[in-house]
């Protein structure tokens, strides 16, 4: 049975929504949850019938969002440090955390370790598109400054994820730029473009709009650009939803229309809802690390756990190492 470590104290709203998400996941699939945090606080939220499927691990401290990411290395009694070490020590196969993303990334990289040939791990996230349903974008925050060889490796890791987790046989890989032409982009993007041409699945530059129209399956960028794309898209989705609600309230005809189109709106909401994806995997480390939003709902935690289960039972680690090994001479 797969064992998953969960940082139960790291989220913005305490352990309750995280534990609720774990319970929801346990109702739907088989795994053993290791909840890390204050046992006295966590205990009352666990129904008696699920106690055999949950192990509580005591952690006396919580790593605060306001703290610097690397400071976590000195705080060994925090819930995130102890959860990461459950994976490092081989007790658990995966970690899910809605806590400090920088701390989670730092600990996973340094305590669990990078895969062979990986220069820098990258945070990958799924975004909705109008054709195939989802586009994988990486990096979305782990690496603000990148070299061309880092972007090339993101392409290889993104391709491996698309094949192993998204079940896309020949994923289309694009590098995010300010135009489709090969000549567009800054020097690092253009240099990475030349390296990515060694991948048979690489289709060239892609513009921001192509993330959402299904033109590419994997979009590559540095963490600075990727994080802006991620936050901007979340803002647009929220704004559009609020605008629709506002206009509907103004018109009886619109209200009737919404009633008739209720099932359609429900499907659209499912595609753009962050809760449906649950979290972003940190690609390039030796064990599955899922980074969830601090404001994650129980549904988001449940789906993050589902991601962790699928990830842990895939061959993605071997695929990344093998593919990067083939191109070792290109990576400096």
Protein backbone atom coordinates (compact mmCIF):
# COMPACT_ATOMS: atom_id res chain seq x y z
CA UNK A 1 0.00 0.00 0.00
CA UNK A 2 1.30 3.44 -0.94
CA UNK A 3 2.22 5.64 2.02
CA UNK A 4 1.89 9.41 1.67
CA UNK A 5 3.25 12.05 4.04
CA UNK A 6 1.01 15.09 4.46
CA UNK A 7 2.11 18.35 6.06
CA UNK A 8 -1.10 18.83 8.03
CA UNK A 9 -0.18 22.20 9.57
CA UNK A 10 1.22 24.16 6.63
CA UNK A 11 -1.96 25.54 5.04
CA UNK A 12 -3.48 28.98 5.62
CA UNK A 13 -6.51 27.58 7.46
CA UNK A 14 -4.88 25.07 9.80
CA UNK A 15 -5.20 21.32 9.73
CA UNK A 16 -8.99 20.91 9.42
CA UNK A 17 -9.42 21.31 5.62
CA UNK A 18 -6.26 19.26 5.01
CA UNK A 19 -7.48 16.38 7.17
CA UNK A 20 -10.93 16.59 5.56
CA UNK A 21 -9.25 16.23 2.17
CA UNK A 22 -7.31 13.21 3.39
CA UNK A 23 -10.53 11.58 4.65
CA UNK A 24 -12.26 12.25 1.31
CA UNK A 25 -9.33 10.64 -0.52
CA UNK A 26 -9.35 7.60 1.79
CA UNK A 27 -13.03 7.07 1.00
CA UNK A 28 -12.19 6.74 -2.70
CA UNK A 29 -8.85 4.90 -2.84
CA UNK A 30 -6.42 2.75 -0.86
CA UNK A 31 -3.36 4.35 0.72
CA UNK A 32 -1.94 5.05 4.17
CA UNK A 33 -1.70 8.67 5.30
CA UNK A 34 1.03 9.98 7.59
CA UNK A 35 -0.26 13.25 9.02
CA UNK A 36 2.50 15.45 10.41
CA UNK A 37 1.67 18.16 12.95
CA UNK A 38 0.42 18.66 16.49
CA UNK A 39 -1.26 15.37 17.47
CA UNK A 40 -3.52 17.07 20.03
CA UNK A 41 -4.90 19.41 17.37
CA UNK A 42 -5.14 16.83 14.58
CA UNK A 43 -6.65 13.97 16.57
CA UNK A 44 -10.22 15.30 17.06
CA UNK A 45 -10.68 15.77 13.29
CA UNK A 46 -10.08 12.09 12.49
CA UNK A 47 -13.16 9.83 12.48
CA UNK A 48 -12.73 6.59 14.42
CA UNK A 49 -13.28 4.41 11.34
CA UNK A 50 -10.26 5.95 9.57
CA UNK A 51 -7.74 5.80 12.41
CA UNK A 52 -6.26 2.51 11.15
CA UNK A 53 -5.45 4.16 7.84
CA UNK A 54 -3.78 7.21 9.39
CA UNK A 55 -0.55 7.54 11.37
CA UNK A 56 0.03 10.75 13.33
CA UNK A 57 3.57 12.13 13.51
CA UNK A 58 4.23 14.78 16.15
CA UNK A 59 5.78 18.08 15.06
CA UNK A 60 5.99 20.92 17.55
CA UNK A 61 6.55 23.76 15.10
CA UNK A 62 4.94 25.25 11.99
CA UNK A 63 7.07 26.93 9.34
CA UNK A 64 5.46 30.32 8.75
CA UNK A 65 4.76 31.73 5.27
CA UNK A 66 6.61 34.95 6.16
CA UNK A 67 9.90 33.12 6.79
CA UNK A 68 12.69 32.77 4.24
CA UNK A 69 12.70 29.46 2.36
CA UNK A 70 16.21 28.39 3.32
CA UNK A 71 15.57 29.09 7.04
CA UNK A 72 13.61 25.83 7.14
CA UNK A 73 16.86 23.87 6.99
CA UNK A 74 17.55 24.92 10.59
CA UNK A 75 14.04 24.08 11.82
CA UNK A 76 14.01 20.30 12.07
CA UNK A 77 10.93 20.09 14.28
CA UNK A 78 8.58 21.78 11.80
CA UNK A 79 5.80 19.76 10.19
CA UNK A 80 7.22 20.25 6.67
CA UNK A 81 10.75 19.16 7.68
CA UNK A 82 9.45 15.99 9.37
CA UNK A 83 7.10 15.21 6.47
CA UNK A 84 9.94 15.53 3.95
CA UNK A 85 12.13 13.26 6.07
CA UNK A 86 9.46 10.55 6.05
CA UNK A 87 10.02 10.41 2.30
CA UNK A 88 13.80 10.81 2.56
CA UNK A 89 13.99 7.87 4.99
CA UNK A 90 11.86 5.63 2.75
CA UNK A 91 8.89 5.44 5.11
CA UNK A 92 6.61 7.23 2.61
CA UNK A 93 6.63 7.34 -1.18
CA UNK A 94 5.34 10.90 -1.58
CA UNK A 95 4.81 14.22 0.19
CA UNK A 96 1.85 16.62 -0.13
CA UNK A 97 2.19 20.09 1.38
CA UNK A 98 0.03 23.22 1.30
CA UNK A 99 2.65 25.06 3.32
CA UNK A 100 5.53 27.34 2.34
CA UNK A 101 6.27 26.36 -1.29
CA UNK A 102 9.84 27.64 -1.21
CA UNK A 103 10.59 25.68 1.95
CA UNK A 104 9.03 22.54 0.49
CA UNK A 105 11.11 22.90 -2.68
CA UNK A 106 14.33 23.57 -0.76
CA UNK A 107 13.86 20.62 1.57
CA UNK A 108 12.84 18.24 -1.22
CA UNK A 109 15.86 19.23 -3.30
CA UNK A 110 18.39 19.03 -0.47
CA UNK A 111 16.93 16.27 1.74
CA UNK A 112 15.36 13.95 -0.84
CA UNK A 113 17.79 14.88 -3.60
CA UNK A 114 17.73 15.43 -7.34
CA UNK A 115 17.40 12.74 -9.95
CA UNK A 116 20.55 11.81 -11.84
CA UNK A 117 21.49 14.41 -14.49
CA UNK A 118 18.93 16.99 -13.24
CA UNK A 119 20.48 20.44 -12.83
CA UNK A 120 17.44 22.13 -11.26
CA UNK A 121 14.01 20.78 -10.27
CA UNK A 122 11.01 22.66 -11.67
CA UNK A 123 7.46 23.22 -10.45
CA UNK A 124 4.94 22.11 -13.06
CA UNK A 125 1.26 22.98 -13.13
CA UNK A 126 -1.73 22.08 -15.29
CA UNK A 127 -3.71 24.84 -16.97
CA UNK A 128 -7.02 24.45 -18.82
CA UNK A 129 -7.17 24.62 -22.60
CA UNK A 130 -10.08 24.61 -25.00
CA UNK A 131 -9.11 21.42 -26.86
CA UNK A 132 -7.38 18.64 -24.94
CA UNK A 133 -8.39 19.92 -21.52
CA UNK A 134 -4.99 20.64 -19.92
CA UNK A 135 -1.62 22.12 -20.76
CA UNK A 136 1.42 21.50 -18.56
CA UNK A 137 3.47 24.63 -17.81
CA UNK A 138 6.91 24.62 -16.18
CA UNK A 139 8.67 26.19 -14.40
CA UNK A 140 6.08 28.24 -12.48
CA UNK A 141 8.20 29.46 -9.60
CA UNK A 142 11.14 27.31 -8.57
CA UNK A 143 13.81 29.01 -10.70
CA UNK A 144 13.58 32.76 -11.33
CA UNK A 145 16.88 32.92 -13.25
CA UNK A 146 17.58 30.15 -15.74
CA UNK A 147 20.22 29.21 -18.27
CA UNK A 148 19.36 27.68 -21.63
CA UNK A 149 20.34 24.18 -20.45
CA UNK A 150 17.87 24.49 -17.56
CA UNK A 151 15.04 25.31 -19.97
CA UNK A 152 16.08 22.36 -22.13
CA UNK A 153 15.86 20.06 -19.12
CA UNK A 154 12.42 21.45 -18.28
CA UNK A 155 11.39 20.38 -21.78
CA UNK A 156 12.66 16.84 -21.21
CA UNK A 157 10.99 16.60 -17.78
CA UNK A 158 7.74 18.08 -19.10
CA UNK A 159 7.71 15.57 -21.95
CA UNK A 160 8.24 12.70 -19.49
CA UNK A 161 5.37 13.93 -17.30
CA UNK A 162 3.04 14.30 -20.28
CA UNK A 163 3.79 10.74 -21.39
CA UNK A 164 3.79 9.04 -17.97
CA UNK A 165 1.07 10.95 -16.11
CA UNK A 166 -1.09 12.60 -18.80
CA UNK A 167 -0.91 9.55 -21.12
CA UNK A 168 0.00 11.63 -24.20
CA UNK A 169 2.07 9.45 -26.54
CA UNK A 170 3.69 12.29 -28.45
CA UNK A 171 3.27 15.54 -26.49
CA UNK A 172 3.85 18.82 -28.33
CA UNK A 173 6.54 20.82 -26.53
CA UNK A 174 6.77 24.60 -26.99
CA UNK A 175 8.92 27.29 -25.40
CA UNK A 176 7.06 30.41 -24.26
CA UNK A 177 8.16 33.49 -26.18
CA UNK A 178 6.91 36.83 -27.51
CA UNK A 179 6.24 35.43 -30.98
CA UNK A 180 6.10 32.17 -32.90
CA UNK A 181 9.09 32.95 -35.14
CA UNK A 182 12.41 31.30 -34.24
CA UNK A 183 14.05 34.73 -34.10
CA UNK A 184 11.77 35.94 -31.27
CA UNK A 185 12.69 35.91 -27.59
CA UNK A 186 15.60 36.98 -25.43
CA UNK A 187 19.05 35.43 -25.80
CA UNK A 188 18.44 32.65 -23.29
CA UNK A 189 15.14 31.69 -24.91
CA UNK A 190 16.71 31.61 -28.38
CA UNK A 191 19.63 29.54 -27.09
CA UNK A 192 17.24 27.12 -25.36
CA UNK A 193 15.23 26.94 -28.59
CA UNK A 194 18.28 25.54 -30.39
CA UNK A 195 18.79 22.90 -27.70
CA UNK A 196 15.11 21.92 -27.65
CA UNK A 197 15.25 21.23 -31.39
CA UNK A 198 16.97 17.98 -30.41
CA UNK A 199 13.63 16.76 -29.03
CA UNK A 200 11.45 15.19 -31.77
CA UNK A 201 8.34 16.49 -30.00
CA UNK A 202 9.51 20.14 -29.93
CA UNK A 203 7.31 22.36 -32.14
CA UNK A 204 9.06 25.71 -31.55
CA UNK A 205 8.06 28.95 -29.89
CA UNK A 206 4.59 29.38 -28.45
CA UNK A 207 2.79 32.52 -27.34
CA UNK A 208 0.90 32.91 -24.08
CA UNK A 209 -2.48 32.41 -25.75
CA UNK A 210 -1.42 28.99 -27.03
CA UNK A 211 -1.29 27.63 -23.50
CA UNK A 212 -5.06 27.99 -23.43
CA UNK A 213 -6.06 27.11 -27.01
CA UNK A 214 -4.54 23.62 -27.00
CA UNK A 215 -1.76 24.32 -29.51
CA UNK A 216 0.82 22.80 -27.15
CA UNK A 217 0.73 20.08 -24.50
CA UNK A 218 3.78 21.38 -22.60
CA UNK A 219 4.89 25.02 -22.38
CA UNK A 220 8.42 25.77 -21.15
CA UNK A 221 9.56 28.98 -19.43
CA UNK A 222 11.62 30.18 -16.48
CA UNK A 223 10.05 30.47 -13.04
CA UNK A 224 9.72 34.24 -13.18
CA UNK A 225 7.61 34.22 -16.34
CA UNK A 226 5.78 31.05 -15.35
CA UNK A 227 4.67 32.38 -11.99
CA UNK A 228 3.33 35.55 -13.60
CA UNK A 229 1.44 33.46 -16.17
CA UNK A 230 0.02 31.29 -13.38
CA UNK A 231 -1.13 34.17 -11.18
CA UNK A 232 -2.49 36.16 -14.14
CA UNK A 233 -4.53 33.20 -15.40
CA UNK A 234 -5.96 32.59 -11.92
CA UNK A 235 -6.93 36.27 -11.76
CA UNK A 236 -8.60 36.18 -15.19
CA UNK A 237 -10.59 33.04 -14.31
CA UNK A 238 -11.79 34.65 -11.08
CA UNK A 239 -12.65 37.94 -12.81
CA UNK A 240 -14.62 36.24 -15.60
CA UNK A 241 -16.59 34.17 -13.07
CA UNK A 242 -17.44 37.28 -11.03
CA UNK A 243 -18.42 39.24 -14.15
CA UNK A 244 -20.82 36.50 -15.24
CA UNK A 245 -22.40 36.42 -11.78
CA UNK A 246 -22.73 40.21 -11.78
CA UNK A 247 -24.40 40.37 -15.20
CA UNK A 248 -26.73 37.47 -14.42
CA UNK A 249 -28.12 39.33 -11.41
CA UNK A 250 -29.05 42.27 -13.66
CA UNK A 251 -31.22 40.36 -16.11
CA UNK A 252 -34.13 37.92 -15.82
CA UNK A 253 -33.33 36.67 -19.33
CA UNK A 254 -29.76 35.98 -18.23
CA UNK A 255 -31.04 34.12 -15.17
CA UNK A 256 -33.21 31.92 -17.42
CA UNK A 257 -30.23 31.40 -19.71
CA UNK A 258 -28.01 30.32 -16.86
CA UNK A 259 -30.67 27.86 -15.71
CA UNK A 260 -30.75 26.33 -19.19
CA UNK A 261 -26.94 26.33 -19.45
CA UNK A 262 -26.28 25.11 -15.92
CA UNK A 263 -24.65 21.84 -16.98
CA UNK A 264 -22.39 23.67 -19.44
CA UNK A 265 -21.23 26.17 -16.82
CA UNK A 266 -20.59 23.29 -14.43
CA UNK A 267 -18.27 21.63 -16.96
CA UNK A 268 -16.44 24.89 -17.65
CA UNK A 269 -15.99 25.56 -13.93
CA UNK A 270 -14.54 22.07 -13.49
CA UNK A 271 -11.90 22.78 -16.15
CA UNK A 272 -10.74 26.09 -14.67
CA UNK A 273 -11.10 25.18 -11.00
CA UNK A 274 -7.74 24.85 -9.21
CA UNK A 275 -9.33 22.37 -6.80
CA UNK A 276 -9.62 19.87 -9.67
CA UNK A 277 -5.82 19.64 -9.96
CA UNK A 278 -4.95 19.98 -6.29
CA UNK A 279 -1.30 20.84 -6.55
CA UNK A 280 1.84 21.20 -8.63
CA UNK A 281 4.48 18.45 -8.79
CA UNK A 282 8.14 19.33 -8.27
CA UNK A 283 9.79 17.56 -11.19
CA UNK A 284 13.41 16.48 -10.94
CA UNK A 285 13.58 15.20 -7.35
CA UNK A 286 13.90 11.51 -6.48
CA UNK A 287 10.48 11.14 -4.87
CA UNK A 288 7.05 12.61 -5.55
CA UNK A 289 6.61 16.09 -4.08
CA UNK A 290 3.26 17.83 -4.58
CA UNK A 291 3.06 21.53 -3.71
CA UNK A 292 -0.49 22.70 -3.02
CA UNK A 293 -1.89 26.21 -2.59
CA UNK A 294 -1.96 27.56 0.95
CA UNK A 295 -5.69 28.20 0.59
CA UNK A 296 -6.40 24.64 -0.57
CA UNK A 297 -9.88 23.29 0.11
CA UNK A 298 -10.49 19.67 1.16
CA UNK A 299 -11.26 18.88 -2.49
CA UNK A 300 -7.90 20.33 -3.59
CA UNK A 301 -6.04 18.24 -0.99
CA UNK A 302 -7.94 15.14 -2.07
CA UNK A 303 -6.93 15.68 -5.70
CA UNK A 304 -3.34 16.46 -4.70
CA UNK A 305 -3.24 13.06 -3.01
CA UNK A 306 -4.65 11.44 -6.16
CA UNK A 307 -1.84 13.12 -8.11
CA UNK A 308 0.71 11.80 -5.66
CA UNK A 309 -0.65 8.26 -5.95
CA UNK A 310 -0.56 8.30 -9.75
CA UNK A 311 2.89 9.91 -9.79
CA UNK A 312 4.35 7.44 -7.28
CA UNK A 313 3.09 4.44 -9.22
CA UNK A 314 4.43 5.65 -12.58
CA UNK A 315 7.81 5.19 -14.29
CA UNK A 316 8.44 8.94 -14.62
CA UNK A 317 11.64 8.92 -12.57
CA UNK A 318 13.32 6.41 -14.86
CA UNK A 319 12.04 8.21 -17.94
CA UNK A 320 13.52 11.55 -16.85
CA UNK A 321 16.90 10.06 -15.96
CA UNK A 322 17.12 8.03 -19.15
CA UNK A 323 16.10 10.88 -21.44
CA UNK A 324 18.44 13.40 -19.82
CA UNK A 325 21.23 10.83 -20.08
CA UNK A 326 20.79 10.72 -23.85
CA UNK A 327 21.41 14.47 -24.13
CA UNK A 328 24.15 14.84 -21.53
CA UNK A 329 26.57 16.31 -24.07
CA UNK A 330 24.17 19.20 -24.76
CA UNK A 331 23.85 20.39 -21.18
CA UNK A 332 27.26 21.87 -20.48
